[in-house]
Protein backbone atom coordinates (compact mmCIF):
# COMPACT_ATOMS: atom_id res chain seq x y z
CA MET A 1 -42.41 -31.47 37.40
CA LYS A 2 -38.62 -31.71 37.01
CA LYS A 3 -39.04 -33.31 33.58
CA ASN A 4 -41.22 -30.42 32.42
CA SER A 5 -38.60 -27.90 33.63
CA ASN A 6 -35.90 -29.61 31.56
CA VAL A 7 -38.08 -29.52 28.46
CA ILE A 8 -38.75 -25.80 28.96
CA LEU A 9 -34.98 -25.12 29.33
CA ILE A 10 -34.14 -27.04 26.11
CA VAL A 11 -36.83 -25.17 24.17
CA PHE A 12 -35.51 -21.85 25.53
CA LEU A 13 -31.92 -22.62 24.45
CA LEU A 14 -33.07 -23.71 20.98
CA GLY A 15 -34.96 -20.43 20.70
CA LEU A 16 -31.81 -18.47 21.48
CA LEU A 17 -29.85 -20.38 18.85
CA LEU A 18 -32.48 -20.11 16.11
CA GLY A 19 -33.42 -16.52 16.98
CA GLY A 20 -29.87 -15.18 16.88
CA GLY A 21 -29.43 -14.89 20.64
CA ILE A 22 -26.10 -16.81 20.32
CA CYS A 23 -23.79 -15.64 17.48
CA PHE A 24 -20.96 -17.71 16.00
CA GLY A 25 -18.44 -16.79 13.31
CA GLN A 26 -18.45 -13.05 14.02
CA GLN A 27 -16.16 -11.15 11.61
CA ALA A 28 -13.25 -9.18 13.05
CA THR A 29 -9.74 -7.88 12.41
CA ASP A 30 -6.52 -9.55 13.57
CA LEU A 31 -3.33 -7.53 12.98
CA THR A 32 0.13 -9.10 13.31
CA VAL A 33 3.56 -7.52 12.80
CA LYS A 34 7.13 -8.56 11.91
CA ILE A 35 10.34 -6.54 12.17
CA LYS A 36 13.88 -6.97 10.87
CA GLY A 37 16.64 -4.58 11.93
CA PRO A 38 20.41 -4.25 12.01
CA ALA A 39 22.31 -6.45 14.46
CA HIS A 40 24.43 -3.58 15.77
CA ALA A 41 24.22 0.19 16.30
CA VAL A 42 25.88 2.88 18.37
CA PRO A 43 24.17 5.37 20.69
CA GLY A 44 22.73 8.29 18.73
CA GLN A 45 22.73 6.41 15.40
CA GLU A 46 19.96 7.00 12.87
CA LEU A 47 18.74 3.62 11.65
CA GLY A 48 16.40 5.11 9.02
CA LYS A 49 15.23 2.50 6.53
CA SER A 50 17.71 -0.16 7.67
CA ILE A 51 14.70 -1.35 9.67
CA GLU A 52 12.01 -3.32 7.80
CA VAL A 53 8.48 -3.79 9.14
CA TRP A 54 5.60 -5.84 7.77
CA VAL A 55 1.96 -5.86 8.93
CA ARG A 56 -0.53 -8.63 8.13
CA ASN A 57 -4.30 -8.62 8.55
CA LYS A 58 -5.19 -12.20 9.47
CA GLY A 59 -8.80 -11.25 10.07
CA ASP A 60 -11.72 -10.83 7.67
CA VAL A 61 -12.43 -7.11 8.20
CA VAL A 62 -10.60 -4.13 6.70
CA ALA A 63 -8.40 -2.22 9.19
CA GLU A 64 -7.94 1.52 8.64
CA ASN A 65 -5.97 4.46 10.07
CA PHE A 66 -3.80 2.80 12.70
CA SER A 67 -0.25 3.43 13.88
CA VAL A 68 2.96 1.39 14.08
CA ASP A 69 5.49 2.39 16.77
CA LEU A 70 9.21 1.56 16.65
CA ILE A 71 10.68 1.20 20.14
CA LEU A 72 13.88 0.16 21.92
CA SER A 73 13.29 -2.43 24.62
CA SER A 74 15.49 -4.23 27.14
CA ASP A 75 13.49 -7.45 26.68
CA ARG A 76 10.82 -9.07 24.54
CA ASN A 77 7.98 -7.50 26.46
CA ALA A 78 6.30 -4.19 25.61
CA PRO A 79 2.87 -2.69 26.28
CA VAL A 80 0.51 -2.28 23.32
CA ASN A 81 0.04 1.45 23.76
CA PHE A 82 1.41 4.68 22.35
CA ALA A 83 5.12 4.78 23.20
CA ASN A 84 6.56 8.01 24.60
CA TYR A 85 9.42 9.72 22.78
CA SER A 86 12.35 11.11 24.75
CA PRO A 87 15.87 12.10 23.67
CA ASN A 88 17.03 10.08 26.70
CA TYR A 89 16.93 6.30 26.95
CA SER A 90 14.26 4.48 28.94
CA ASP A 91 12.84 1.01 28.50
CA ASP A 92 10.36 0.80 25.57
CA VAL A 93 11.21 4.37 24.47
CA LEU A 94 9.89 5.49 21.07
CA LEU A 95 12.72 6.00 18.56
CA GLN A 96 12.99 9.56 17.26
CA GLY A 97 10.74 9.71 14.17
CA GLY A 98 9.59 6.15 14.89
CA ARG A 99 5.81 6.46 14.57
CA GLU A 100 4.26 5.60 11.20
CA PHE A 101 0.63 5.43 10.11
CA VAL A 102 -1.13 2.87 7.89
CA ALA A 103 -4.16 4.09 5.96
CA LYS A 104 -5.71 0.71 5.12
CA ILE A 105 -4.99 -3.03 5.03
CA LEU A 106 -7.38 -5.54 3.51
CA PRO A 107 -8.30 -8.95 4.98
CA GLY A 108 -5.50 -11.45 4.28
CA GLN A 109 -3.16 -8.72 3.01
CA THR A 110 0.47 -8.28 4.07
CA ILE A 111 2.12 -4.87 3.53
CA ALA A 112 5.58 -3.44 4.07
CA VAL A 113 5.27 -0.33 6.23
CA VAL A 114 6.94 2.72 4.62
CA LEU A 115 9.39 4.18 7.13
CA ASN A 116 9.84 7.94 6.74
CA GLY A 117 11.51 8.83 10.05
CA MET A 118 15.17 8.86 11.07
CA ASN A 119 14.51 6.19 13.74
CA LYS A 120 17.29 7.49 15.96
CA ILE A 121 18.66 5.57 18.96
CA PRO A 122 18.84 7.80 22.10
CA ALA A 123 22.37 9.17 22.40
CA ASP A 124 22.69 8.19 26.08
CA THR A 125 21.70 4.53 25.60
CA PRO A 126 24.04 2.33 27.70
CA ASN A 127 26.04 -0.34 25.88
CA GLY A 128 24.38 -3.73 25.90
CA SER A 129 21.90 -6.12 24.29
CA TYR A 130 18.46 -4.77 23.37
CA PHE A 131 15.52 -5.42 21.09
CA LEU A 132 14.05 -3.25 18.37
CA GLY A 133 10.30 -3.55 18.77
CA ALA A 134 7.42 -2.93 16.37
CA VAL A 135 4.01 -2.29 17.97
CA VAL A 136 1.07 -2.41 15.56
CA ASP A 137 -2.16 -0.60 16.43
CA ALA A 138 -0.49 1.17 19.34
CA GLY A 139 -3.24 2.31 21.69
CA ASN A 140 -5.58 -0.56 20.65
CA LYS A 141 -7.70 1.58 18.33
CA ILE A 142 -8.74 -1.40 16.18
CA PRO A 143 -10.91 -4.12 17.85
CA GLU A 144 -9.23 -7.48 17.19
CA THR A 145 -9.86 -11.18 17.84
CA ASN A 146 -6.32 -11.49 19.22
CA GLU A 147 -4.66 -8.56 21.00
CA ARG A 148 -1.60 -10.61 22.05
CA ASN A 149 0.17 -10.73 18.66
CA ASN A 150 0.61 -6.98 18.07
CA VAL A 151 4.28 -6.78 19.06
CA ALA A 152 7.40 -8.22 17.40
CA PHE A 153 11.11 -7.87 18.19
CA SER A 154 14.51 -7.97 16.50
CA PRO A 155 17.69 -8.29 18.64
CA ILE A 156 20.27 -5.49 18.45
CA LYS A 157 23.50 -4.70 20.30
CA ILE A 158 24.23 -1.09 21.22
CA GLY A 159 27.82 0.05 21.65
CA LYS A 160 31.17 0.25 19.90
CA LEU A 161 32.31 -2.79 17.92
CA ILE A 162 35.11 -4.74 19.58
CA MET A 163 37.72 -5.91 17.11
CA ALA A 164 38.64 -9.58 17.43
CA LYS A 165 42.26 -8.91 16.41
CA PRO A 166 44.40 -5.85 16.98
CA ILE A 167 45.11 -3.82 13.90
CA LYS A 168 48.27 -1.98 13.02
CA PRO A 169 48.12 1.76 13.51
CA ILE A 170 47.89 3.65 10.29
CA LYS A 171 48.70 7.18 9.45
CA PRO A 172 45.66 9.39 9.96
CA ILE A 173 44.04 10.50 6.75
CA GLU A 174 42.89 14.06 6.59
CA LEU A 175 39.27 13.78 5.61
CA GLN A 176 37.50 16.44 3.67
CA PRO A 177 34.20 17.58 5.16
CA ILE A 178 31.23 15.79 3.65
CA LYS A 179 29.20 18.06 1.42
CA LEU A 180 25.45 17.94 1.69
CA PRO A 181 22.84 19.03 -0.84
CA ASP A 182 20.96 22.31 -0.44
CA LEU A 183 17.40 22.37 -1.81
CA GLY A 184 15.48 25.58 -2.29
CA MET A 185 12.99 27.53 -4.38
CA TYR A 186 14.10 29.18 -7.62
CA GLY A 187 12.24 32.19 -9.05
CA PHE A 188 8.61 33.10 -8.42
CA LEU A 189 5.17 31.52 -8.67
CA LYS A 190 2.87 31.42 -11.70
CA LEU A 191 -0.84 30.65 -11.41
CA GLY A 192 -3.78 29.94 -13.71
CA LYS A 193 -4.24 29.19 -17.39
CA PHE A 194 -2.42 32.37 -18.34
CA SER A 195 0.56 31.74 -16.00
CA LYS A 196 0.14 34.95 -14.03
CA LEU A 197 3.37 35.78 -12.21
CA VAL A 198 3.25 36.71 -8.52
CA LYS A 199 6.22 37.34 -6.24
CA TRP A 200 6.50 35.56 -2.92
CA GLY A 201 4.75 37.41 -0.12
CA GLU A 202 2.56 39.43 -2.51
CA THR A 203 -1.14 39.19 -3.48
CA ILE A 204 -2.75 38.01 -6.73
CA THR A 205 -6.38 38.19 -7.93
CA LEU A 206 -7.84 35.20 -9.80
CA THR A 207 -11.13 35.06 -11.73
CA PRO A 208 -13.09 32.20 -13.32
CA LYS A 209 -11.20 32.88 -16.56
CA ASP A 210 -7.98 31.83 -14.83
CA ALA A 211 -9.42 28.48 -13.70
CA THR A 212 -8.70 25.30 -15.65
CA LEU A 213 -12.03 23.85 -14.51
CA ILE A 214 -14.74 24.45 -11.91
CA SER A 215 -16.30 21.40 -10.28
CA GLY A 216 -19.16 21.81 -7.83
CA GLY A 217 -18.23 25.45 -7.34
CA ASN A 218 -14.59 24.56 -6.58
CA PRO A 219 -12.11 26.00 -9.10
CA ALA A 220 -8.88 24.23 -10.08
CA PHE A 221 -5.84 26.23 -11.20
CA GLU A 222 -2.51 25.47 -12.85
CA VAL A 223 0.44 25.97 -10.49
CA TYR A 224 3.97 26.55 -11.83
CA TYR A 225 7.16 26.91 -9.79
CA SER A 226 10.83 25.88 -9.95
CA HIS A 227 13.17 24.40 -7.38
CA ARG A 228 16.94 24.01 -7.38
CA GLU A 229 19.90 22.28 -5.74
CA TYR A 230 22.41 24.98 -4.71
CA ASP A 231 25.45 23.20 -3.20
CA GLY A 232 26.54 20.91 -6.04
CA VAL A 233 25.34 17.64 -4.45
CA ALA A 234 22.62 15.45 -5.95
CA ALA A 235 19.45 14.79 -3.93
CA SER A 236 16.59 12.34 -4.46
CA GLY A 237 13.56 10.76 -2.84
CA PHE A 238 11.94 13.91 -1.49
CA LYS A 239 8.48 15.49 -1.64
CA ASN A 240 7.26 19.02 -2.24
CA LYS A 241 3.80 19.99 -1.03
CA VAL A 242 1.37 22.77 -1.97
CA TYR A 243 -0.88 24.04 0.85
CA PHE A 244 -3.94 26.29 0.72
CA ASN A 245 -5.12 27.74 4.02
CA GLY A 246 -3.05 25.10 5.82
CA LYS A 247 -4.48 22.12 3.90
CA VAL A 248 -2.42 20.02 1.47
CA VAL A 249 -3.87 20.43 -2.03
CA SER A 250 -1.04 18.94 -4.13
CA ILE A 251 1.95 16.64 -3.51
CA GLN A 252 4.94 16.11 -5.82
CA SER A 253 6.57 12.80 -4.86
CA SER A 254 9.83 10.95 -5.66
CA LEU A 255 11.58 14.14 -6.73
CA SER A 256 15.29 14.34 -7.56
CA LEU A 257 17.80 17.01 -8.53
CA ALA A 258 21.28 16.68 -10.02
CA PRO A 259 24.04 18.95 -8.64
CA LYS A 260 22.94 22.59 -9.12
CA GLU A 261 20.07 21.47 -11.37
CA ILE A 262 16.96 23.62 -11.78
CA LYS A 263 13.66 21.82 -12.44
CA ASP A 264 10.27 23.27 -13.27
CA ILE A 265 7.21 21.89 -11.48
CA HIS A 266 3.77 22.01 -13.05
CA THR A 267 0.82 20.76 -11.01
CA GLN A 268 -2.87 21.48 -10.59
CA ALA A 269 -4.73 22.23 -7.37
CA TYR A 270 -8.21 23.14 -6.18
CA LEU A 271 -8.06 26.58 -4.57
CA GLY A 272 -10.77 28.79 -3.12
CA PRO A 273 -13.25 30.09 -3.89
CA GLN A 274 -12.65 31.64 -0.46
CA ASN A 275 -9.69 33.99 -0.27
CA GLY A 276 -6.61 32.58 1.36
CA ARG A 277 -2.93 31.80 1.46
CA LEU A 278 -1.07 29.42 -0.84
CA GLU A 279 2.22 27.98 0.46
CA ILE A 280 4.85 25.68 -1.06
CA LYS A 281 7.36 23.71 1.01
CA ILE A 282 10.40 22.05 -0.55
CA ASP A 283 11.31 18.60 0.91
CA ASP A 284 8.38 19.05 3.28
CA GLU A 285 8.99 15.73 5.10
CA ASN A 286 12.77 16.34 5.51
CA ASN A 287 13.72 13.19 3.60
CA VAL A 288 17.00 14.82 2.51
CA LYS A 289 19.71 15.79 4.97
CA GLU A 290 20.84 19.26 3.85
CA SER A 291 23.54 21.80 4.57
CA ARG A 292 20.73 24.22 5.51
CA GLU A 293 17.01 23.83 5.98
CA ASP A 294 15.87 27.45 6.35
CA ASN A 295 15.42 27.96 2.60
CA ASN A 296 12.92 25.12 2.09
CA GLY A 297 9.89 27.20 2.91
CA PRO A 298 7.33 28.24 3.48
CA PHE A 299 7.07 30.28 0.29
CA PHE A 300 3.64 31.91 0.19
CA VAL A 301 1.35 34.25 -1.75
CA ASN A 302 -2.08 35.63 -0.88
CA ILE A 303 -4.95 34.96 -3.31
CA ILE A 304 -8.12 37.00 -3.80
CA PHE A 305 -10.88 35.28 -5.81
CA LYS A 306 -13.14 37.61 -7.79
CA ASP A 307 -16.45 37.00 -9.58
CA PHE A 308 -16.88 33.44 -8.30
CA LYS A 309 -20.46 32.54 -7.40
């Protein structure tokens, strides 16, 4: 009787294997991260792009729409969750502007994460030895085969540099204040094939004749505007964005302006056919530190669409 029971058990296990009851080689994602940062900083310093972060997908499934957090830690341990930002220091605090998002990474691919934030150290951070941490897939949104390799660290010392040798006192040099660029809009907006002029804050009516094309009932229009640098200081690496009813419909990237230069922008955007509000924001992501920010936008006009089906 015992022999028959063993035979039945073996047949049952073979059935599970052949019938798919036991699954081997299941595909999954495995995200890893590396970070390289400066060896020294002072409290309140903006590290910006002096930090470098790379993410690798060691798995065999595409990973999409996940975050990477930049934190300041007292040791090489940090939870894999969304870090909390605070202007005051605490262990594993999120640096100011230190959360970035990755749209997609393919299996086997390694990418350098684009850092857009200022990545500022809290101003009240005590002097001492710390670690800059990079946490990939903060919050564990992406299922992975290995959840223990999502954090990496780079050592950093916070505090004033101590000079090895005393230096001779020198006569103070009267420094001139550093001038910053000032970006802003120049002139008014023009819309459509016939470059209809409309002043900021006013209303314009557009018809199918003004559209460059109509695709699936959605009309596209030419958009013309100009921006300028006002303070005599060059600026580069910024983005302007065109919004319609709060949604981004056009982005102008990698823009630059020479001192007091005026540049015309010509783009195309799908607008309507529902009435709404078009806005333009200069340096929308605040990539340029400016003498004033209140003239970057929003600049808006109201649009009425007529005779669209």
